mmCIF file of all heavy atoms, coordinates in Angstrom:
data_MODEL
# 
_entry.id   MODEL 
# 
loop_
_atom_site.group_PDB 
_atom_site.id 
_atom_site.type_symbol 
_atom_site.label_atom_id 
_atom_site.label_alt_id 
_atom_site.label_comp_id 
_atom_site.label_asym_id 
_atom_site.label_entity_id 
_atom_site.label_seq_id 
_atom_site.pdbx_PDB_ins_code 
_atom_site.Cartn_x 
_atom_site.Cartn_y 
_atom_site.Cartn_z 
_atom_site.occupancy 
_atom_site.B_iso_or_equiv 
_atom_site.pdbx_formal_charge 
_atom_site.auth_seq_id 
_atom_site.auth_comp_id 
_atom_site.auth_asym_id 
_atom_site.auth_atom_id 
_atom_site.pdbx_PDB_model_num 
ATOM 1   N N   . SER A 1 1  ? 13.606 -16.198 17.826 1.00 0.00 ? 1  SER A N   1 
ATOM 2   C CA  . SER A 1 1  ? 14.250 -14.885 17.753 1.00 0.00 ? 1  SER A CA  1 
ATOM 3   C C   . SER A 1 1  ? 13.316 -13.859 17.117 1.00 0.00 ? 1  SER A C   1 
ATOM 4   O O   . SER A 1 1  ? 13.247 -12.706 17.562 1.00 0.00 ? 1  SER A O   1 
ATOM 5   C CB  . SER A 1 1  ? 15.582 -14.952 17.006 1.00 0.00 ? 1  SER A CB  1 
ATOM 6   O OG  . SER A 1 1  ? 15.412 -15.331 15.669 1.00 0.00 ? 1  SER A OG  1 
ATOM 7   N N   . MET A 1 2  ? 12.571 -14.274 16.108 1.00 0.00 ? 2  MET A N   1 
ATOM 8   C CA  . MET A 1 2  ? 11.635 -13.349 15.467 1.00 0.00 ? 2  MET A CA  1 
ATOM 9   C C   . MET A 1 2  ? 10.533 -12.931 16.441 1.00 0.00 ? 2  MET A C   1 
ATOM 10  O O   . MET A 1 2  ? 10.188 -11.748 16.529 1.00 0.00 ? 2  MET A O   1 
ATOM 11  C CB  . MET A 1 2  ? 11.044 -13.984 14.210 1.00 0.00 ? 2  MET A CB  1 
ATOM 12  C CG  . MET A 1 2  ? 12.090 -14.185 13.122 1.00 0.00 ? 2  MET A CG  1 
ATOM 13  S SD  . MET A 1 2  ? 11.466 -15.111 11.722 1.00 0.00 ? 2  MET A SD  1 
ATOM 14  C CE  . MET A 1 2  ? 10.571 -13.826 10.884 1.00 0.00 ? 2  MET A CE  1 
ATOM 15  N N   . ALA A 1 3  ? 9.988  -13.886 17.165 1.00 0.00 ? 3  ALA A N   1 
ATOM 16  C CA  . ALA A 1 3  ? 8.906  -13.587 18.111 1.00 0.00 ? 3  ALA A CA  1 
ATOM 17  C C   . ALA A 1 3  ? 9.402  -12.703 19.254 1.00 0.00 ? 3  ALA A C   1 
ATOM 18  O O   . ALA A 1 3  ? 8.744  -11.722 19.614 1.00 0.00 ? 3  ALA A O   1 
ATOM 19  C CB  . ALA A 1 3  ? 8.317  -14.888 18.657 1.00 0.00 ? 3  ALA A CB  1 
ATOM 20  N N   . ALA A 1 4  ? 10.544 -13.027 19.819 1.00 0.00 ? 4  ALA A N   1 
ATOM 21  C CA  . ALA A 1 4  ? 11.064 -12.258 20.958 1.00 0.00 ? 4  ALA A CA  1 
ATOM 22  C C   . ALA A 1 4  ? 11.392 -10.830 20.559 1.00 0.00 ? 4  ALA A C   1 
ATOM 23  O O   . ALA A 1 4  ? 11.132 -9.884  21.319 1.00 0.00 ? 4  ALA A O   1 
ATOM 24  C CB  . ALA A 1 4  ? 12.289 -12.946 21.544 1.00 0.00 ? 4  ALA A CB  1 
ATOM 25  N N   . ASN A 1 5  ? 11.948 -10.646 19.374 1.00 0.00 ? 5  ASN A N   1 
ATOM 26  C CA  . ASN A 1 5  ? 12.353 -9.304  18.945 1.00 0.00 ? 5  ASN A CA  1 
ATOM 27  C C   . ASN A 1 5  ? 11.183 -8.391  18.614 1.00 0.00 ? 5  ASN A C   1 
ATOM 28  O O   . ASN A 1 5  ? 11.385 -7.193  18.400 1.00 0.00 ? 5  ASN A O   1 
ATOM 29  C CB  . ASN A 1 5  ? 13.329 -9.387  17.767 1.00 0.00 ? 5  ASN A CB  1 
ATOM 30  C CG  . ASN A 1 5  ? 14.737 -9.639  18.257 1.00 0.00 ? 5  ASN A CG  1 
ATOM 31  O OD1 . ASN A 1 5  ? 15.187 -9.040  19.220 1.00 0.00 ? 5  ASN A OD1 1 
ATOM 32  N ND2 . ASN A 1 5  ? 15.430 -10.552 17.592 1.00 0.00 ? 5  ASN A ND2 1 
ATOM 33  N N   . LYS A 1 6  ? 9.975  -8.900  18.624 1.00 0.00 ? 6  LYS A N   1 
ATOM 34  C CA  . LYS A 1 6  ? 8.784  -8.059  18.444 1.00 0.00 ? 6  LYS A CA  1 
ATOM 35  C C   . LYS A 1 6  ? 8.466  -7.272  19.724 1.00 0.00 ? 6  LYS A C   1 
ATOM 36  O O   . LYS A 1 6  ? 7.676  -6.339  19.694 1.00 0.00 ? 6  LYS A O   1 
ATOM 37  C CB  . LYS A 1 6  ? 7.567  -8.910  18.070 1.00 0.00 ? 6  LYS A CB  1 
ATOM 38  C CG  . LYS A 1 6  ? 7.676  -9.578  16.731 1.00 0.00 ? 6  LYS A CG  1 
ATOM 39  C CD  . LYS A 1 6  ? 7.483  -8.582  15.635 1.00 0.00 ? 6  LYS A CD  1 
ATOM 40  C CE  . LYS A 1 6  ? 7.442  -9.262  14.278 1.00 0.00 ? 6  LYS A CE  1 
ATOM 41  N NZ  . LYS A 1 6  ? 7.348  -8.287  13.215 1.00 0.00 ? 6  LYS A NZ  1 
ATOM 42  N N   . ILE A 1 7  ? 9.084  -7.658  20.823 1.00 0.00 ? 7  ILE A N   1 
ATOM 43  C CA  . ILE A 1 7  ? 8.758  -7.066  22.123 1.00 0.00 ? 7  ILE A CA  1 
ATOM 44  C C   . ILE A 1 7  ? 9.756  -5.959  22.455 1.00 0.00 ? 7  ILE A C   1 
ATOM 45  O O   . ILE A 1 7  ? 10.970 -6.175  22.420 1.00 0.00 ? 7  ILE A O   1 
ATOM 46  C CB  . ILE A 1 7  ? 8.734  -8.159  23.204 1.00 0.00 ? 7  ILE A CB  1 
ATOM 47  C CG1 . ILE A 1 7  ? 7.623  -9.169  22.838 1.00 0.00 ? 7  ILE A CG1 1 
ATOM 48  C CG2 . ILE A 1 7  ? 8.520  -7.565  24.581 1.00 0.00 ? 7  ILE A CG2 1 
ATOM 49  C CD1 . ILE A 1 7  ? 7.737  -10.484 23.507 1.00 0.00 ? 7  ILE A CD1 1 
ATOM 50  N N   . GLU A 1 8  ? 9.222  -4.786  22.759 1.00 0.00 ? 8  GLU A N   1 
ATOM 51  C CA  . GLU A 1 8  ? 10.062 -3.625  23.051 1.00 0.00 ? 8  GLU A CA  1 
ATOM 52  C C   . GLU A 1 8  ? 11.007 -3.929  24.218 1.00 0.00 ? 8  GLU A C   1 
ATOM 53  O O   . GLU A 1 8  ? 10.604 -4.508  25.223 1.00 0.00 ? 8  GLU A O   1 
ATOM 54  C CB  . GLU A 1 8  ? 9.197  -2.415  23.398 1.00 0.00 ? 8  GLU A CB  1 
ATOM 55  C CG  . GLU A 1 8  ? 10.005 -1.143  23.535 1.00 0.00 ? 8  GLU A CG  1 
ATOM 56  C CD  . GLU A 1 8  ? 9.157  0.089   23.715 1.00 0.00 ? 8  GLU A CD  1 
ATOM 57  O OE1 . GLU A 1 8  ? 7.946  0.045   23.438 1.00 0.00 ? 8  GLU A OE1 1 
ATOM 58  O OE2 . GLU A 1 8  ? 9.717  1.106   24.142 1.00 0.00 ? 8  GLU A OE2 1 
ATOM 59  N N   . GLY A 1 9  ? 12.259 -3.532  24.037 1.00 0.00 ? 9  GLY A N   1 
ATOM 60  C CA  . GLY A 1 9  ? 13.263 -3.744  25.071 1.00 0.00 ? 9  GLY A CA  1 
ATOM 61  C C   . GLY A 1 9  ? 14.020 -5.047  24.950 1.00 0.00 ? 9  GLY A C   1 
ATOM 62  O O   . GLY A 1 9  ? 14.967 -5.289  25.684 1.00 0.00 ? 9  GLY A O   1 
ATOM 63  N N   . ILE A 1 10 ? 13.599 -5.890  24.023 1.00 0.00 ? 10 ILE A N   1 
ATOM 64  C CA  . ILE A 1 10 ? 14.263 -7.181  23.830 1.00 0.00 ? 10 ILE A CA  1 
ATOM 65  C C   . ILE A 1 10 ? 15.255 -7.078  22.680 1.00 0.00 ? 10 ILE A C   1 
ATOM 66  O O   . ILE A 1 10 ? 14.954 -6.529  21.619 1.00 0.00 ? 10 ILE A O   1 
ATOM 67  C CB  . ILE A 1 10 ? 13.237 -8.298  23.565 1.00 0.00 ? 10 ILE A CB  1 
ATOM 68  C CG1 . ILE A 1 10 ? 12.349 -8.500  24.787 1.00 0.00 ? 10 ILE A CG1 1 
ATOM 69  C CG2 . ILE A 1 10 ? 13.934 -9.596  23.159 1.00 0.00 ? 10 ILE A CG2 1 
ATOM 70  C CD1 . ILE A 1 10 ? 13.100 -8.830  26.070 1.00 0.00 ? 10 ILE A CD1 1 
ATOM 71  N N   . ARG A 1 11 ? 16.425 -7.622  22.933 1.00 0.00 ? 11 ARG A N   1 
ATOM 72  C CA  . ARG A 1 11 ? 17.468 -7.742  21.923 1.00 0.00 ? 11 ARG A CA  1 
ATOM 73  C C   . ARG A 1 11 ? 17.863 -9.221  21.898 1.00 0.00 ? 11 ARG A C   1 
ATOM 74  O O   . ARG A 1 11 ? 18.773 -9.642  22.609 1.00 0.00 ? 11 ARG A O   1 
ATOM 75  C CB  . ARG A 1 11 ? 18.648 -6.823  22.238 1.00 0.00 ? 11 ARG A CB  1 
ATOM 76  C CG  . ARG A 1 11 ? 18.293 -5.348  22.126 1.00 0.00 ? 11 ARG A CG  1 
ATOM 77  C CD  . ARG A 1 11 ? 19.423 -4.434  22.539 1.00 0.00 ? 11 ARG A CD  1 
ATOM 78  N NE  . ARG A 1 11 ? 19.918 -4.693  23.886 1.00 0.00 ? 11 ARG A NE  1 
ATOM 79  C CZ  . ARG A 1 11 ? 19.315 -4.283  25.018 1.00 0.00 ? 11 ARG A CZ  1 
ATOM 80  N NH1 . ARG A 1 11 ? 18.197 -3.595  24.971 1.00 0.00 ? 11 ARG A NH1 1 
ATOM 81  N NH2 . ARG A 1 11 ? 19.848 -4.564  26.190 1.00 0.00 ? 11 ARG A NH2 1 
ATOM 82  N N   . ALA A 1 12 ? 17.102 -9.997  21.132 1.00 0.00 ? 12 ALA A N   1 
ATOM 83  C CA  . ALA A 1 12 ? 17.314 -11.445 21.049 1.00 0.00 ? 12 ALA A CA  1 
ATOM 84  C C   . ALA A 1 12 ? 18.237 -11.743 19.883 1.00 0.00 ? 12 ALA A C   1 
ATOM 85  O O   . ALA A 1 12 ? 18.033 -11.241 18.782 1.00 0.00 ? 12 ALA A O   1 
ATOM 86  C CB  . ALA A 1 12 ? 15.983 -12.166 20.873 1.00 0.00 ? 12 ALA A CB  1 
ATOM 87  N N   . ALA A 1 13 ? 19.231 -12.562 20.140 1.00 0.00 ? 13 ALA A N   1 
ATOM 88  C CA  . ALA A 1 13 ? 20.220 -12.893 19.111 1.00 0.00 ? 13 ALA A CA  1 
ATOM 89  C C   . ALA A 1 13 ? 20.234 -14.391 18.857 1.00 0.00 ? 13 ALA A C   1 
ATOM 90  O O   . ALA A 1 13 ? 20.341 -15.190 19.790 1.00 0.00 ? 13 ALA A O   1 
ATOM 91  C CB  . ALA A 1 13 ? 21.598 -12.434 19.557 1.00 0.00 ? 13 ALA A CB  1 
ATOM 92  N N   . LEU A 1 14 ? 20.132 -14.752 17.594 1.00 0.00 ? 14 LEU A N   1 
ATOM 93  C CA  . LEU A 1 14 ? 20.235 -16.139 17.171 1.00 0.00 ? 14 LEU A CA  1 
ATOM 94  C C   . LEU A 1 14 ? 21.716 -16.461 17.003 1.00 0.00 ? 14 LEU A C   1 
ATOM 95  O O   . LEU A 1 14 ? 22.393 -15.854 16.170 1.00 0.00 ? 14 LEU A O   1 
ATOM 96  C CB  . LEU A 1 14 ? 19.492 -16.341 15.854 1.00 0.00 ? 14 LEU A CB  1 
ATOM 97  C CG  . LEU A 1 14 ? 19.588 -17.707 15.191 1.00 0.00 ? 14 LEU A CG  1 
ATOM 98  C CD1 . LEU A 1 14 ? 19.054 -18.798 16.109 1.00 0.00 ? 14 LEU A CD1 1 
ATOM 99  C CD2 . LEU A 1 14 ? 18.830 -17.692 13.873 1.00 0.00 ? 14 LEU A CD2 1 
ATOM 100 N N   . CYS A 1 15 ? 22.213 -17.389 17.793 1.00 0.00 ? 15 CYS A N   1 
ATOM 101 C CA  . CYS A 1 15 ? 23.648 -17.733 17.757 1.00 0.00 ? 15 CYS A CA  1 
ATOM 102 C C   . CYS A 1 15 ? 23.823 -19.239 17.659 1.00 0.00 ? 15 CYS A C   1 
ATOM 103 O O   . CYS A 1 15 ? 23.242 -19.986 18.449 1.00 0.00 ? 15 CYS A O   1 
ATOM 104 C CB  . CYS A 1 15 ? 24.357 -17.239 19.015 1.00 0.00 ? 15 CYS A CB  1 
ATOM 105 S SG  . CYS A 1 15 ? 24.330 -15.459 19.237 1.00 0.00 ? 15 CYS A SG  1 
ATOM 106 N N   . HIS A 1 16 ? 24.674 -19.640 16.716 1.00 0.00 ? 16 HIS A N   1 
ATOM 107 C CA  . HIS A 1 16 ? 25.000 -21.045 16.581 1.00 0.00 ? 16 HIS A CA  1 
ATOM 108 C C   . HIS A 1 16 ? 26.511 -21.265 16.645 1.00 0.00 ? 16 HIS A C   1 
ATOM 109 O O   . HIS A 1 16 ? 27.017 -22.297 16.220 1.00 0.00 ? 16 HIS A O   1 
ATOM 110 C CB  . HIS A 1 16 ? 24.414 -21.609 15.275 1.00 0.00 ? 16 HIS A CB  1 
ATOM 111 C CG  . HIS A 1 16 ? 22.926 -21.693 15.318 1.00 0.00 ? 16 HIS A CG  1 
ATOM 112 N ND1 . HIS A 1 16 ? 22.120 -21.352 14.266 1.00 0.00 ? 16 HIS A ND1 1 
ATOM 113 C CD2 . HIS A 1 16 ? 22.089 -22.061 16.310 1.00 0.00 ? 16 HIS A CD2 1 
ATOM 114 C CE1 . HIS A 1 16 ? 20.855 -21.517 14.608 1.00 0.00 ? 16 HIS A CE1 1 
ATOM 115 N NE2 . HIS A 1 16 ? 20.814 -21.945 15.847 1.00 0.00 ? 16 HIS A NE2 1 
ATOM 116 N N   . ASP A 1 17 ? 27.218 -20.263 17.190 1.00 0.00 ? 17 ASP A N   1 
ATOM 117 C CA  . ASP A 1 17 ? 28.658 -20.378 17.402 1.00 0.00 ? 17 ASP A CA  1 
ATOM 118 C C   . ASP A 1 17 ? 29.048 -19.451 18.550 1.00 0.00 ? 17 ASP A C   1 
ATOM 119 O O   . ASP A 1 17 ? 28.318 -18.522 18.885 1.00 0.00 ? 17 ASP A O   1 
ATOM 120 C CB  . ASP A 1 17 ? 29.436 -20.032 16.126 1.00 0.00 ? 17 ASP A CB  1 
ATOM 121 C CG  . ASP A 1 17 ? 29.162 -18.617 15.662 1.00 0.00 ? 17 ASP A CG  1 
ATOM 122 O OD1 . ASP A 1 17 ? 29.784 -17.680 16.204 1.00 0.00 ? 17 ASP A OD1 1 
ATOM 123 O OD2 . ASP A 1 17 ? 28.309 -18.438 14.769 1.00 0.00 ? 17 ASP A OD2 1 
ATOM 124 N N   . THR A 1 18 ? 30.198 -19.709 19.143 1.00 0.00 ? 18 THR A N   1 
ATOM 125 C CA  . THR A 1 18 ? 30.623 -18.928 20.312 1.00 0.00 ? 18 THR A CA  1 
ATOM 126 C C   . THR A 1 18 ? 31.040 -17.512 19.947 1.00 0.00 ? 18 THR A C   1 
ATOM 127 O O   . THR A 1 18 ? 30.848 -16.594 20.744 1.00 0.00 ? 18 THR A O   1 
ATOM 128 C CB  . THR A 1 18 ? 31.761 -19.631 21.067 1.00 0.00 ? 18 THR A CB  1 
ATOM 129 O OG1 . THR A 1 18 ? 32.859 -19.846 20.176 1.00 0.00 ? 18 THR A OG1 1 
ATOM 130 C CG2 . THR A 1 18 ? 31.295 -20.959 21.653 1.00 0.00 ? 18 THR A CG2 1 
ATOM 131 N N   . PHE A 1 19 ? 31.601 -17.304 18.750 1.00 0.00 ? 19 PHE A N   1 
ATOM 132 C CA  . PHE A 1 19 ? 31.999 -15.955 18.363 1.00 0.00 ? 19 PHE A CA  1 
ATOM 133 C C   . PHE A 1 19 ? 30.789 -15.029 18.320 1.00 0.00 ? 19 PHE A C   1 
ATOM 134 O O   . PHE A 1 19 ? 30.826 -13.909 18.824 1.00 0.00 ? 19 PHE A O   1 
ATOM 135 C CB  . PHE A 1 19 ? 32.714 -15.946 17.008 1.00 0.00 ? 19 PHE A CB  1 
ATOM 136 C CG  . PHE A 1 19 ? 33.043 -14.544 16.556 1.00 0.00 ? 19 PHE A CG  1 
ATOM 137 C CD1 . PHE A 1 19 ? 34.124 -13.862 17.090 1.00 0.00 ? 19 PHE A CD1 1 
ATOM 138 C CD2 . PHE A 1 19 ? 32.238 -13.902 15.630 1.00 0.00 ? 19 PHE A CD2 1 
ATOM 139 C CE1 . PHE A 1 19 ? 34.402 -12.555 16.708 1.00 0.00 ? 19 PHE A CE1 1 
ATOM 140 C CE2 . PHE A 1 19 ? 32.507 -12.596 15.230 1.00 0.00 ? 19 PHE A CE2 1 
ATOM 141 C CZ  . PHE A 1 19 ? 33.600 -11.919 15.779 1.00 0.00 ? 19 PHE A CZ  1 
ATOM 142 N N   . SER A 1 20 ? 29.704 -15.484 17.711 1.00 0.00 ? 20 SER A N   1 
ATOM 143 C CA  . SER A 1 20 ? 28.485 -14.670 17.641 1.00 0.00 ? 20 SER A CA  1 
ATOM 144 C C   . SER A 1 20 ? 27.919 -14.400 19.030 1.00 0.00 ? 20 SER A C   1 
ATOM 145 O O   . SER A 1 20 ? 27.443 -13.296 19.310 1.00 0.00 ? 20 SER A O   1 
ATOM 146 C CB  . SER A 1 20 ? 27.427 -15.367 16.784 1.00 0.00 ? 20 SER A CB  1 
ATOM 147 O OG  . SER A 1 20 ? 27.874 -15.513 15.467 1.00 0.00 ? 20 SER A OG  1 
ATOM 148 N N   . ALA A 1 21 ? 27.967 -15.396 19.905 1.00 0.00 ? 21 ALA A N   1 
ATOM 149 C CA  . ALA A 1 21 ? 27.464 -15.220 21.267 1.00 0.00 ? 21 ALA A CA  1 
ATOM 150 C C   . ALA A 1 21 ? 28.276 -14.156 22.009 1.00 0.00 ? 21 ALA A C   1 
ATOM 151 O O   . ALA A 1 21 ? 27.719 -13.309 22.720 1.00 0.00 ? 21 ALA A O   1 
ATOM 152 C CB  . ALA A 1 21 ? 27.508 -16.546 22.020 1.00 0.00 ? 21 ALA A CB  1 
ATOM 153 N N   . GLN A 1 22 ? 29.581 -14.180 21.842 1.00 0.00 ? 22 GLN A N   1 
ATOM 154 C CA  . GLN A 1 22 ? 30.438 -13.179 22.486 1.00 0.00 ? 22 GLN A CA  1 
ATOM 155 C C   . GLN A 1 22 ? 30.196 -11.797 21.885 1.00 0.00 ? 22 GLN A C   1 
ATOM 156 O O   . GLN A 1 22 ? 30.011 -10.816 22.607 1.00 0.00 ? 22 GLN A O   1 
ATOM 157 C CB  . GLN A 1 22 ? 31.909 -13.563 22.328 1.00 0.00 ? 22 GLN A CB  1 
ATOM 158 C CG  . GLN A 1 22 ? 32.852 -12.536 22.940 1.00 0.00 ? 22 GLN A CG  1 
ATOM 159 C CD  . GLN A 1 22 ? 34.309 -12.916 22.764 1.00 0.00 ? 22 GLN A CD  1 
ATOM 160 O OE1 . GLN A 1 22 ? 34.631 -14.060 22.438 1.00 0.00 ? 22 GLN A OE1 1 
ATOM 161 N NE2 . GLN A 1 22 ? 35.190 -11.978 22.979 1.00 0.00 ? 22 GLN A NE2 1 
ATOM 162 N N   . ALA A 1 23 ? 30.172 -11.720 20.576 1.00 0.00 ? 23 ALA A N   1 
ATOM 163 C CA  . ALA A 1 23 ? 30.016 -10.428 19.904 1.00 0.00 ? 23 ALA A CA  1 
ATOM 164 C C   . ALA A 1 23 ? 28.672 -9.778  20.214 1.00 0.00 ? 23 ALA A C   1 
ATOM 165 O O   . ALA A 1 23 ? 28.596 -8.561  20.417 1.00 0.00 ? 23 ALA A O   1 
ATOM 166 C CB  . ALA A 1 23 ? 30.188 -10.592 18.394 1.00 0.00 ? 23 ALA A CB  1 
ATOM 167 N N   . THR A 1 24 ? 27.605 -10.579 20.271 1.00 0.00 ? 24 THR A N   1 
ATOM 168 C CA  . THR A 1 24 ? 26.297 -9.979  20.512 1.00 0.00 ? 24 THR A CA  1 
ATOM 169 C C   . THR A 1 24 ? 26.154 -9.452  21.928 1.00 0.00 ? 24 THR A C   1 
ATOM 170 O O   . THR A 1 24 ? 25.438 -8.488  22.168 1.00 0.00 ? 24 THR A O   1 
ATOM 171 C CB  . THR A 1 24 ? 25.146 -10.931 20.130 1.00 0.00 ? 24 THR A CB  1 
ATOM 172 O OG1 . THR A 1 24 ? 23.961 -10.166 19.972 1.00 0.00 ? 24 THR A OG1 1 
ATOM 173 C CG2 . THR A 1 24 ? 24.936 -12.018 21.168 1.00 0.00 ? 24 THR A CG2 1 
ATOM 174 N N   . ARG A 1 25 ? 26.839 -10.059 22.865 1.00 0.00 ? 25 ARG A N   1 
ATOM 175 C CA  . ARG A 1 25 ? 26.824 -9.512  24.238 1.00 0.00 ? 25 ARG A CA  1 
ATOM 176 C C   . ARG A 1 25 ? 27.689 -8.252  24.307 1.00 0.00 ? 25 ARG A C   1 
ATOM 177 O O   . ARG A 1 25 ? 27.283 -7.240  24.872 1.00 0.00 ? 25 ARG A O   1 
ATOM 178 C CB  . ARG A 1 25 ? 27.331 -10.550 25.236 1.00 0.00 ? 25 ARG A CB  1 
ATOM 179 C CG  . ARG A 1 25 ? 26.341 -11.653 25.514 1.00 0.00 ? 25 ARG A CG  1 
ATOM 180 C CD  . ARG A 1 25 ? 25.130 -11.205 26.340 1.00 0.00 ? 25 ARG A CD  1 
ATOM 181 N NE  . ARG A 1 25 ? 25.579 -10.650 27.607 1.00 0.00 ? 25 ARG A NE  1 
ATOM 182 C CZ  . ARG A 1 25 ? 25.135 -9.500  28.129 1.00 0.00 ? 25 ARG A CZ  1 
ATOM 183 N NH1 . ARG A 1 25 ? 24.220 -8.785  27.517 1.00 0.00 ? 25 ARG A NH1 1 
ATOM 184 N NH2 . ARG A 1 25 ? 25.618 -9.072  29.281 1.00 0.00 ? 25 ARG A NH2 1 
ATOM 185 N N   . GLU A 1 26 ? 28.897 -8.307  23.734 1.00 0.00 ? 26 GLU A N   1 
ATOM 186 C CA  . GLU A 1 26 ? 29.816 -7.162  23.799 1.00 0.00 ? 26 GLU A CA  1 
ATOM 187 C C   . GLU A 1 26 ? 29.296 -5.954  23.024 1.00 0.00 ? 26 GLU A C   1 
ATOM 188 O O   . GLU A 1 26 ? 29.397 -4.835  23.505 1.00 0.00 ? 26 GLU A O   1 
ATOM 189 C CB  . GLU A 1 26 ? 31.189 -7.547  23.237 1.00 0.00 ? 26 GLU A CB  1 
ATOM 190 C CG  . GLU A 1 26 ? 31.999 -8.425  24.136 1.00 0.00 ? 26 GLU A CG  1 
ATOM 191 C CD  . GLU A 1 26 ? 33.337 -8.802  23.532 1.00 0.00 ? 26 GLU A CD  1 
ATOM 192 O OE1 . GLU A 1 26 ? 33.584 -8.534  22.324 1.00 0.00 ? 26 GLU A OE1 1 
ATOM 193 O OE2 . GLU A 1 26 ? 34.150 -9.387  24.272 1.00 0.00 ? 26 GLU A OE2 1 
ATOM 194 N N   . HIS A 1 27 ? 28.765 -6.165  21.839 1.00 0.00 ? 27 HIS A N   1 
ATOM 195 C CA  . HIS A 1 27 ? 28.409 -5.064  20.941 1.00 0.00 ? 27 HIS A CA  1 
ATOM 196 C C   . HIS A 1 27 ? 26.944 -4.680  20.970 1.00 0.00 ? 27 HIS A C   1 
ATOM 197 O O   . HIS A 1 27 ? 26.613 -3.516  20.764 1.00 0.00 ? 27 HIS A O   1 
ATOM 198 C CB  . HIS A 1 27 ? 28.783 -5.413  19.499 1.00 0.00 ? 27 HIS A CB  1 
ATOM 199 C CG  . HIS A 1 27 ? 30.246 -5.609  19.307 1.00 0.00 ? 27 HIS A CG  1 
ATOM 200 N ND1 . HIS A 1 27 ? 30.799 -5.757  18.055 1.00 0.00 ? 27 HIS A ND1 1 
ATOM 201 C CD2 . HIS A 1 27 ? 31.281 -5.697  20.176 1.00 0.00 ? 27 HIS A CD2 1 
ATOM 202 C CE1 . HIS A 1 27 ? 32.108 -5.925  18.176 1.00 0.00 ? 27 HIS A CE1 1 
ATOM 203 N NE2 . HIS A 1 27 ? 32.415 -5.903  19.456 1.00 0.00 ? 27 HIS A NE2 1 
ATOM 204 N N   . ASN A 1 28 ? 26.048 -5.662  21.160 1.00 0.00 ? 28 ASN A N   1 
ATOM 205 C CA  . ASN A 1 28 ? 24.614 -5.404  21.065 1.00 0.00 ? 28 ASN A CA  1 
ATOM 206 C C   . ASN A 1 28 ? 23.897 -5.453  22.401 1.00 0.00 ? 28 ASN A C   1 
ATOM 207 O O   . ASN A 1 28 ? 22.702 -5.189  22.461 1.00 0.00 ? 28 ASN A O   1 
ATOM 208 C CB  . ASN A 1 28 ? 23.947 -6.416  20.119 1.00 0.00 ? 28 ASN A CB  1 
ATOM 209 C CG  . ASN A 1 28 ? 24.645 -6.511  18.789 1.00 0.00 ? 28 ASN A CG  1 
ATOM 210 O OD1 . ASN A 1 28 ? 25.237 -7.538  18.483 1.00 0.00 ? 28 ASN A OD1 1 
ATOM 211 N ND2 . ASN A 1 28 ? 24.608 -5.454  18.008 1.00 0.00 ? 28 ASN A ND2 1 
ATOM 212 N N   . ASP A 1 29 ? 24.596 -5.832  23.456 1.00 0.00 ? 29 ASP A N   1 
ATOM 213 C CA  . ASP A 1 29 ? 23.990 -5.997  24.775 1.00 0.00 ? 29 ASP A CA  1 
ATOM 214 C C   . ASP A 1 29 ? 22.743 -6.877  24.674 1.00 0.00 ? 29 ASP A C   1 
ATOM 215 O O   . ASP A 1 29 ? 21.703 -6.588  25.270 1.00 0.00 ? 29 ASP A O   1 
ATOM 216 C CB  . ASP A 1 29 ? 23.657 -4.640  25.414 1.00 0.00 ? 29 ASP A CB  1 
ATOM 217 C CG  . ASP A 1 29 ? 23.425 -4.732  26.913 1.00 0.00 ? 29 ASP A CG  1 
ATOM 218 O OD1 . ASP A 1 29 ? 23.836 -5.739  27.531 1.00 0.00 ? 29 ASP A OD1 1 
ATOM 219 O OD2 . ASP A 1 29 ? 22.817 -3.790  27.468 1.00 0.00 ? 29 ASP A OD2 1 
ATOM 220 N N   . ALA A 1 30 ? 22.846 -7.950  23.888 1.00 0.00 ? 30 ALA A N   1 
ATOM 221 C CA  . ALA A 1 30 ? 21.721 -8.871  23.720 1.00 0.00 ? 30 ALA A CA  1 
ATOM 222 C C   . ALA A 1 30 ? 21.288 -9.384  25.086 1.00 0.00 ? 30 ALA A C   1 
ATOM 223 O O   . ALA A 1 30 ? 22.119 -9.689  25.942 1.00 0.00 ? 30 ALA A O   1 
ATOM 224 C CB  . ALA A 1 30 ? 22.113 -10.032 22.816 1.00 0.00 ? 30 ALA A CB  1 
# 
């Protein structure tokens, strides 16, 4: 996640649960 987020246009989200996976797509357009 740290490496990917260094690249412009990337919104990489570290998720270890389904709530975070849903929220990051809905709110952050990861």
